[in-house]
């Protein structure tokens, strides 16, 4: 493979960008929230108090009940 080929960018992975993106992700601070439009969306956990979890979505905040399986 020739790295100077213009189509190479679709085959190769920019490792610096990948590491930078992965550094921002922490699986202990995110949750999947059910959404009518998109099925499930990723949200950041902001606070856990009693039986509720406060999460931040793209468009604001919402509180949901804790559900343990």
PDB file of N, CA and C in Angstrom:
ATOM      1  N   UNK A   1       0.839  -1.183   0.000  1.00  0.00           N
ATOM      2  CA  UNK A   1       0.000   0.000   0.000  1.00  0.00           C
ATOM      3  C   UNK A   1       0.878   1.238   0.000  1.00  0.00           C
ATOM      4  N   UNK A   2       0.405   2.209  -0.718  1.00  0.00           N
ATOM      5  CA  UNK A   2       1.133   3.467  -0.823  1.00  0.00           C
ATOM      6  C   UNK A   2       0.420   4.526   0.029  1.00  0.00           C
ATOM      7  N   UNK A   3       1.027   4.996   1.120  1.00  0.00           N
ATOM      8  CA  UNK A   3       0.377   5.994   1.985  1.00  0.00           C
ATOM      9  C   UNK A   3       0.078   7.317   1.288  1.00  0.00           C
ATOM     10  N   UNK A   4       0.727   7.588   0.154  1.00  0.00           N
ATOM     11  CA  UNK A   4       0.463   8.839  -0.554  1.00  0.00           C
ATOM     12  C   UNK A   4      -0.766   8.734  -1.465  1.00  0.00           C
ATOM     13  N   UNK A   5      -1.323   7.543  -1.608  1.00  0.00           N
ATOM     14  CA  UNK A   5      -2.530   7.342  -2.412  1.00  0.00           C
ATOM     15  C   UNK A   5      -3.695   8.066  -1.729  1.00  0.00           C
ATOM     16  N   UNK A   6      -4.476   8.879  -2.469  1.00  0.00           N
ATOM     17  CA  UNK A   6      -5.579   9.630  -1.847  1.00  0.00           C
ATOM     18  C   UNK A   6      -6.636   8.744  -1.181  1.00  0.00           C
ATOM     19  N   UNK A   7      -6.810   7.526  -1.673  1.00  0.00           N
ATOM     20  CA  UNK A   7      -7.803   6.626  -1.080  1.00  0.00           C
ATOM     21  C   UNK A   7      -7.290   5.928   0.175  1.00  0.00           C
ATOM     22  N   UNK A   8      -6.024   6.083   0.486  1.00  0.00           N
ATOM     23  CA  UNK A   8      -5.438   5.427   1.649  1.00  0.00           C
ATOM     24  C   UNK A   8      -6.061   5.920   2.952  1.00  0.00           C
ATOM     25  N   UNK A   9      -6.538   7.170   2.974  1.00  0.00           N
ATOM     26  CA  UNK A   9      -7.127   7.714   4.207  1.00  0.00           C
ATOM     27  C   UNK A   9      -8.369   6.939   4.633  1.00  0.00           C
ATOM     28  N   UNK A  10      -9.028   6.260   3.692  1.00  0.00           N
ATOM     29  CA  UNK A  10     -10.203   5.460   4.026  1.00  0.00           C
ATOM     30  C   UNK A  10      -9.830   4.073   4.536  1.00  0.00           C
ATOM     31  N   UNK A  11      -8.603   3.650   4.276  1.00  0.00           N
ATOM     32  CA  UNK A  11      -8.147   2.332   4.702  1.00  0.00           C
ATOM     33  C   UNK A  11      -7.331   2.382   5.986  1.00  0.00           C
ATOM     34  N   UNK A  12      -6.654   3.492   6.203  1.00  0.00           N
ATOM     35  CA  UNK A  12      -5.799   3.624   7.379  1.00  0.00           C
ATOM     36  C   UNK A  12      -6.530   4.266   8.540  1.00  0.00           C
ATOM     37  N   UNK A  13      -5.987   4.099   9.731  1.00  0.00           N
ATOM     38  CA  UNK A  13      -6.553   4.682  10.942  1.00  0.00           C
ATOM     39  C   UNK A  13      -5.562   5.701  11.485  1.00  0.00           C
ATOM     40  N   UNK A  14      -6.046   6.908  11.747  1.00  0.00           N
ATOM     41  CA  UNK A  14      -5.203   7.929  12.358  1.00  0.00           C
ATOM     42  C   UNK A  14      -5.121   7.616  13.849  1.00  0.00           C
ATOM     43  N   UNK A  15      -4.046   6.999  14.266  1.00  0.00           N
ATOM     44  CA  UNK A  15      -3.920   6.523  15.647  1.00  0.00           C
ATOM     45  C   UNK A  15      -3.926   7.668  16.665  1.00  0.00           C
ATOM     46  N   UNK A  16      -3.365   8.801  16.312  1.00  0.00           N
ATOM     47  CA  UNK A  16      -3.366   9.933  17.239  1.00  0.00           C
ATOM     48  C   UNK A  16      -4.789  10.423  17.495  1.00  0.00           C
ATOM     49  N   UNK A  17      -5.591  10.525  16.439  1.00  0.00           N
ATOM     50  CA  UNK A  17      -6.977  10.965  16.596  1.00  0.00           C
ATOM     51  C   UNK A  17      -7.787   9.928  17.364  1.00  0.00           C
ATOM     52  N   UNK A  18      -7.528   8.656  17.104  1.00  0.00           N
ATOM     53  CA  UNK A  18      -8.237   7.586  17.802  1.00  0.00           C
ATOM     54  C   UNK A  18      -7.927   7.600  19.297  1.00  0.00           C
ATOM     55  N   UNK A  19      -6.666   7.740  19.661  1.00  0.00           N
ATOM     56  CA  UNK A  19      -6.285   7.786  21.074  1.00  0.00           C
ATOM     57  C   UNK A  19      -6.855   9.012  21.772  1.00  0.00           C
ATOM     58  N   UNK A  20      -6.895  10.132  21.057  1.00  0.00           N
ATOM     59  CA  UNK A  20      -7.449  11.355  21.627  1.00  0.00           C
ATOM     60  C   UNK A  20      -8.947  11.190  21.905  1.00  0.00           C
ATOM     61  N   UNK A  21      -9.653  10.540  20.991  1.00  0.00           N
ATOM     62  CA  UNK A  21     -11.083  10.317  21.162  1.00  0.00           C
ATOM     63  C   UNK A  21     -11.362   9.323  22.282  1.00  0.00           C
ATOM     64  N   UNK A  22     -10.572   8.270  22.377  1.00  0.00           N
ATOM     65  CA  UNK A  22     -10.770   7.260  23.409  1.00  0.00           C
ATOM     66  C   UNK A  22     -10.437   7.790  24.799  1.00  0.00           C
ATOM     67  N   UNK A  23      -9.527   8.738  24.893  1.00  0.00           N
ATOM     68  CA  UNK A  23      -9.146   9.299  26.189  1.00  0.00           C
ATOM     69  C   UNK A  23     -10.317  10.044  26.830  1.00  0.00           C
ATOM     70  N   UNK A  24     -11.224  10.578  26.020  1.00  0.00           N
ATOM     71  CA  UNK A  24     -12.359  11.335  26.543  1.00  0.00           C
ATOM     72  C   UNK A  24     -13.505  10.444  27.000  1.00  0.00           C
ATOM     73  N   UNK A  25     -13.470   9.162  26.680  1.00  0.00           N
ATOM     74  CA  UNK A  25     -14.571   8.253  27.008  1.00  0.00           C
ATOM     75  C   UNK A  25     -14.299   7.537  28.318  1.00  0.00           C
ATOM     76  N   UNK A  26     -15.279   7.562  29.220  1.00  0.00           N
ATOM     77  CA  UNK A  26     -15.196   6.840  30.484  1.00  0.00           C
ATOM     78  C   UNK A  26     -16.505   6.085  30.669  1.00  0.00           C
ATOM     79  N   UNK A  27     -16.454   4.772  30.597  1.00  0.00           N
ATOM     80  CA  UNK A  27     -17.673   3.960  30.643  1.00  0.00           C
ATOM     81  C   UNK A  27     -18.399   4.034  31.985  1.00  0.00           C
ATOM     82  N   UNK A  28     -17.758   4.555  33.010  1.00  0.00           N
ATOM     83  CA  UNK A  28     -18.407   4.674  34.320  1.00  0.00           C
ATOM     84  C   UNK A  28     -19.266   5.929  34.416  1.00  0.00           C
ATOM     85  N   UNK A  29     -19.143   6.834  33.458  1.00  0.00           N
ATOM     86  CA  UNK A  29     -19.867   8.099  33.511  1.00  0.00           C
ATOM     87  C   UNK A  29     -20.898   8.255  32.403  1.00  0.00           C
ATOM     88  N   UNK A  30     -21.201   7.187  31.673  1.00  0.00           N
ATOM     89  CA  UNK A  30     -22.180   7.274  30.595  1.00  0.00           C
ATOM     90  C   UNK A  30     -23.249   6.202  30.759  1.00  0.00           C
ATOM     91  N   UNK A  31     -24.385   6.441  30.149  1.00  0.00           N
ATOM     92  CA  UNK A  31     -25.513   5.511  30.216  1.00  0.00           C
ATOM     93  C   UNK A  31     -26.295   5.624  28.906  1.00  0.00           C
ATOM     94  N   UNK A  32     -26.919   4.524  28.522  1.00  0.00           N
ATOM     95  CA  UNK A  32     -27.809   4.542  27.361  1.00  0.00           C
ATOM     96  C   UNK A  32     -29.204   4.886  27.858  1.00  0.00           C
ATOM     97  N   UNK A  33     -29.835   5.890  27.254  1.00  0.00           N
ATOM     98  CA  UNK A  33     -31.163   6.344  27.636  1.00  0.00           C
ATOM     99  C   UNK A  33     -32.118   6.083  26.475  1.00  0.00           C
ATOM    100  N   UNK A  34     -33.286   5.511  26.806  1.00  0.00           N
ATOM    101  CA  UNK A  34     -34.283   5.220  25.776  1.00  0.00           C
ATOM    102  C   UNK A  34     -34.814   6.517  25.177  1.00  0.00           C
ATOM    103  N   UNK A  35     -34.927   6.536  23.856  1.00  0.00           N
ATOM    104  CA  UNK A  35     -35.396   7.709  23.135  1.00  0.00           C
ATOM    105  C   UNK A  35     -36.437   7.263  22.110  1.00  0.00           C
ATOM    106  N   UNK A  36     -37.573   7.953  22.047  1.00  0.00           N
ATOM    107  CA  UNK A  36     -38.633   7.571  21.111  1.00  0.00           C
ATOM    108  C   UNK A  36     -38.192   7.690  19.660  1.00  0.00           C
ATOM    109  N   UNK A  37     -37.413   8.706  19.379  1.00  0.00           N
ATOM    110  CA  UNK A  37     -37.018   8.994  18.000  1.00  0.00           C
ATOM    111  C   UNK A  37     -35.864   8.111  17.517  1.00  0.00           C
ATOM    112  N   UNK A  38     -34.830   7.950  18.349  1.00  0.00           N
ATOM    113  CA  UNK A  38     -33.611   7.269  17.916  1.00  0.00           C
ATOM    114  C   UNK A  38     -33.394   5.900  18.561  1.00  0.00           C
ATOM    115  N   UNK A  39     -34.305   5.448  19.382  1.00  0.00           N
ATOM    116  CA  UNK A  39     -34.129   4.158  20.058  1.00  0.00           C
ATOM    117  C   UNK A  39     -33.432   4.354  21.388  1.00  0.00           C
ATOM    118  N   UNK A  40     -32.118   4.452  21.352  1.00  0.00           N
ATOM    119  CA  UNK A  40     -31.316   4.740  22.548  1.00  0.00           C
ATOM    120  C   UNK A  40     -30.257   5.771  22.189  1.00  0.00           C
ATOM    121  N   UNK A  41     -29.984   6.670  23.128  1.00  0.00           N
ATOM    122  CA  UNK A  41     -28.940   7.668  22.927  1.00  0.00           C
ATOM    123  C   UNK A  41     -27.993   7.650  24.121  1.00  0.00           C
ATOM    124  N   UNK A  42     -26.779   8.054  23.893  1.00  0.00           N
ATOM    125  CA  UNK A  42     -25.753   8.088  24.926  1.00  0.00           C
ATOM    126  C   UNK A  42     -25.882   9.378  25.733  1.00  0.00           C
ATOM    127  N   UNK A  43     -25.829   9.266  27.060  1.00  0.00           N
ATOM    128  CA  UNK A  43     -25.952  10.432  27.932  1.00  0.00           C
ATOM    129  C   UNK A  43     -24.877  10.372  29.011  1.00  0.00           C
ATOM    130  N   UNK A  44     -24.458  11.531  29.479  1.00  0.00           N
ATOM    131  CA  UNK A  44     -23.467  11.630  30.552  1.00  0.00           C
ATOM    132  C   UNK A  44     -24.176  11.669  31.899  1.00  0.00           C
ATOM    133  N   UNK A  45     -23.723  10.849  32.855  1.00  0.00           N
ATOM    134  CA  UNK A  45     -24.287  10.849  34.205  1.00  0.00           C
ATOM    135  C   UNK A  45     -23.726  12.053  34.956  1.00  0.00           C
ATOM    136  N   UNK A  46     -24.628  12.893  35.464  1.00  0.00           N
ATOM    137  CA  UNK A  46     -24.213  14.083  36.203  1.00  0.00           C
ATOM    138  C   UNK A  46     -24.360  13.909  37.710  1.00  0.00           C
ATOM    139  N   UNK A  47     -25.411  13.174  38.143  1.00  0.00           N
ATOM    140  CA  UNK A  47     -25.652  13.020  39.577  1.00  0.00           C
ATOM    141  C   UNK A  47     -26.495  11.772  39.815  1.00  0.00           C
ATOM    142  N   UNK A  48     -26.218  11.088  40.924  1.00  0.00           N
ATOM    143  CA  UNK A  48     -27.055   9.964  41.351  1.00  0.00           C
ATOM    144  C   UNK A  48     -27.491  10.243  42.778  1.00  0.00           C
ATOM    145  N   UNK A  49     -28.802  10.396  42.983  1.00  0.00           N
ATOM    146  CA  UNK A  49     -29.360  10.686  44.291  1.00  0.00           C
ATOM    147  C   UNK A  49     -30.544   9.764  44.536  1.00  0.00           C
ATOM    148  N   UNK A  50     -30.460   8.955  45.576  1.00  0.00           N
ATOM    149  CA  UNK A  50     -31.563   8.055  45.891  1.00  0.00           C
ATOM    150  C   UNK A  50     -31.855   7.104  44.748  1.00  0.00           C
ATOM    151  N   UNK A  51     -33.099   7.163  44.255  1.00  0.00           N
ATOM    152  CA  UNK A  51     -33.525   6.279  43.175  1.00  0.00           C
ATOM    153  C   UNK A  51     -33.514   6.950  41.809  1.00  0.00           C
ATOM    154  N   UNK A  52     -32.892   8.110  41.694  1.00  0.00           N
ATOM    155  CA  UNK A  52     -32.867   8.785  40.395  1.00  0.00           C
ATOM    156  C   UNK A  52     -31.443   9.045  39.935  1.00  0.00           C
ATOM    157  N   UNK A  53     -31.309   9.066  38.644  1.00  0.00           N
ATOM    158  CA  UNK A  53     -30.031   9.408  38.017  1.00  0.00           C
ATOM    159  C   UNK A  53     -30.287  10.633  37.154  1.00  0.00           C
ATOM    160  N   UNK A  54     -29.506  11.685  37.325  1.00  0.00           N
ATOM    161  CA  UNK A  54     -29.624  12.861  36.483  1.00  0.00           C
ATOM    162  C   UNK A  54     -28.570  12.751  35.394  1.00  0.00           C
ATOM    163  N   UNK A  55     -29.036  12.822  34.153  1.00  0.00           N
ATOM    164  CA  UNK A  55     -28.127  12.682  33.017  1.00  0.00           C
ATOM    165  C   UNK A  55     -28.220  13.910  32.133  1.00  0.00           C
ATOM    166  N   UNK A  56     -27.144  14.200  31.412  1.00  0.00           N
ATOM    167  CA  UNK A  56     -27.120  15.322  30.481  1.00  0.00           C
ATOM    168  C   UNK A  56     -27.184  14.787  29.060  1.00  0.00           C
ATOM    169  N   UNK A  57     -28.174  15.246  28.333  1.00  0.00           N
ATOM    170  CA  UNK A  57     -28.336  14.894  26.929  1.00  0.00           C
ATOM    171  C   UNK A  57     -27.848  16.051  26.067  1.00  0.00           C
ATOM    172  N   UNK A  58     -27.884  15.879  24.773  1.00  0.00           N
ATOM    173  CA  UNK A  58     -27.479  16.949  23.864  1.00  0.00           C
ATOM    174  C   UNK A  58     -28.357  18.182  24.031  1.00  0.00           C
ATOM    175  N   UNK A  59     -29.651  17.949  24.313  1.00  0.00           N
ATOM    176  CA  UNK A  59     -30.595  19.058  24.373  1.00  0.00           C
ATOM    177  C   UNK A  59     -30.971  19.489  25.793  1.00  0.00           C
ATOM    178  N   UNK A  60     -30.291  18.985  26.831  1.00  0.00           N
ATOM    179  CA  UNK A  60     -30.601  19.382  28.203  1.00  0.00           C
ATOM    180  C   UNK A  60     -30.414  18.244  29.179  1.00  0.00           C
ATOM    181  N   UNK A  61     -31.138  18.291  30.314  1.00  0.00           N
ATOM    182  CA  UNK A  61     -31.025  17.253  31.341  1.00  0.00           C
ATOM    183  C   UNK A  61     -32.362  16.570  31.561  1.00  0.00           C
ATOM    184  N   UNK A  62     -32.309  15.334  32.026  1.00  0.00           N
ATOM    185  CA  UNK A  62     -33.517  14.588  32.359  1.00  0.00           C
ATOM    186  C   UNK A  62     -33.187  13.651  33.513  1.00  0.00           C
ATOM    187  N   UNK A  63     -34.154  13.402  34.401  1.00  0.00           N
ATOM    188  CA  UNK A  63     -33.971  12.453  35.501  1.00  0.00           C
ATOM    189  C   UNK A  63     -34.706  11.168  35.171  1.00  0.00           C
ATOM    190  N   UNK A  64     -34.075  10.037  35.429  1.00  0.00           N
ATOM    191  CA  UNK A  64     -34.718   8.750  35.196  1.00  0.00           C
ATOM    192  C   UNK A  64     -34.534   7.881  36.426  1.00  0.00           C
ATOM    193  N   UNK A  65     -35.416   6.896  36.606  1.00  0.00           N
ATOM    194  CA  UNK A  65     -35.305   5.997  37.752  1.00  0.00           C
ATOM    195  C   UNK A  65     -34.218   4.962  37.506  1.00  0.00           C
ATOM    196  N   UNK A  66     -33.563   4.568  38.597  1.00  0.00           N
ATOM    197  CA  UNK A  66     -32.585   3.485  38.504  1.00  0.00           C
ATOM    198  C   UNK A  66     -33.328   2.178  38.302  1.00  0.00           C
ATOM    199  N   UNK A  67     -32.841   1.363  37.414  1.00  0.00           N
ATOM    200  CA  UNK A  67     -33.425   0.046  37.189  1.00  0.00           C
ATOM    201  C   UNK A  67     -32.303  -0.972  37.282  1.00  0.00           C
ATOM    202  N   UNK A  68     -32.433  -1.905  38.191  1.00  0.00           N
ATOM    203  CA  UNK A  68     -31.415  -2.941  38.349  1.00  0.00           C
ATOM    204  C   UNK A  68     -31.995  -4.260  37.877  1.00  0.00           C
ATOM    205  N   UNK A  69     -31.231  -4.990  37.103  1.00  0.00           N
ATOM    206  CA  UNK A  69     -31.682  -6.285  36.590  1.00  0.00           C
ATOM    207  C   UNK A  69     -31.041  -7.400  37.355  1.00  0.00           C
TER     208      UNK A  69
END
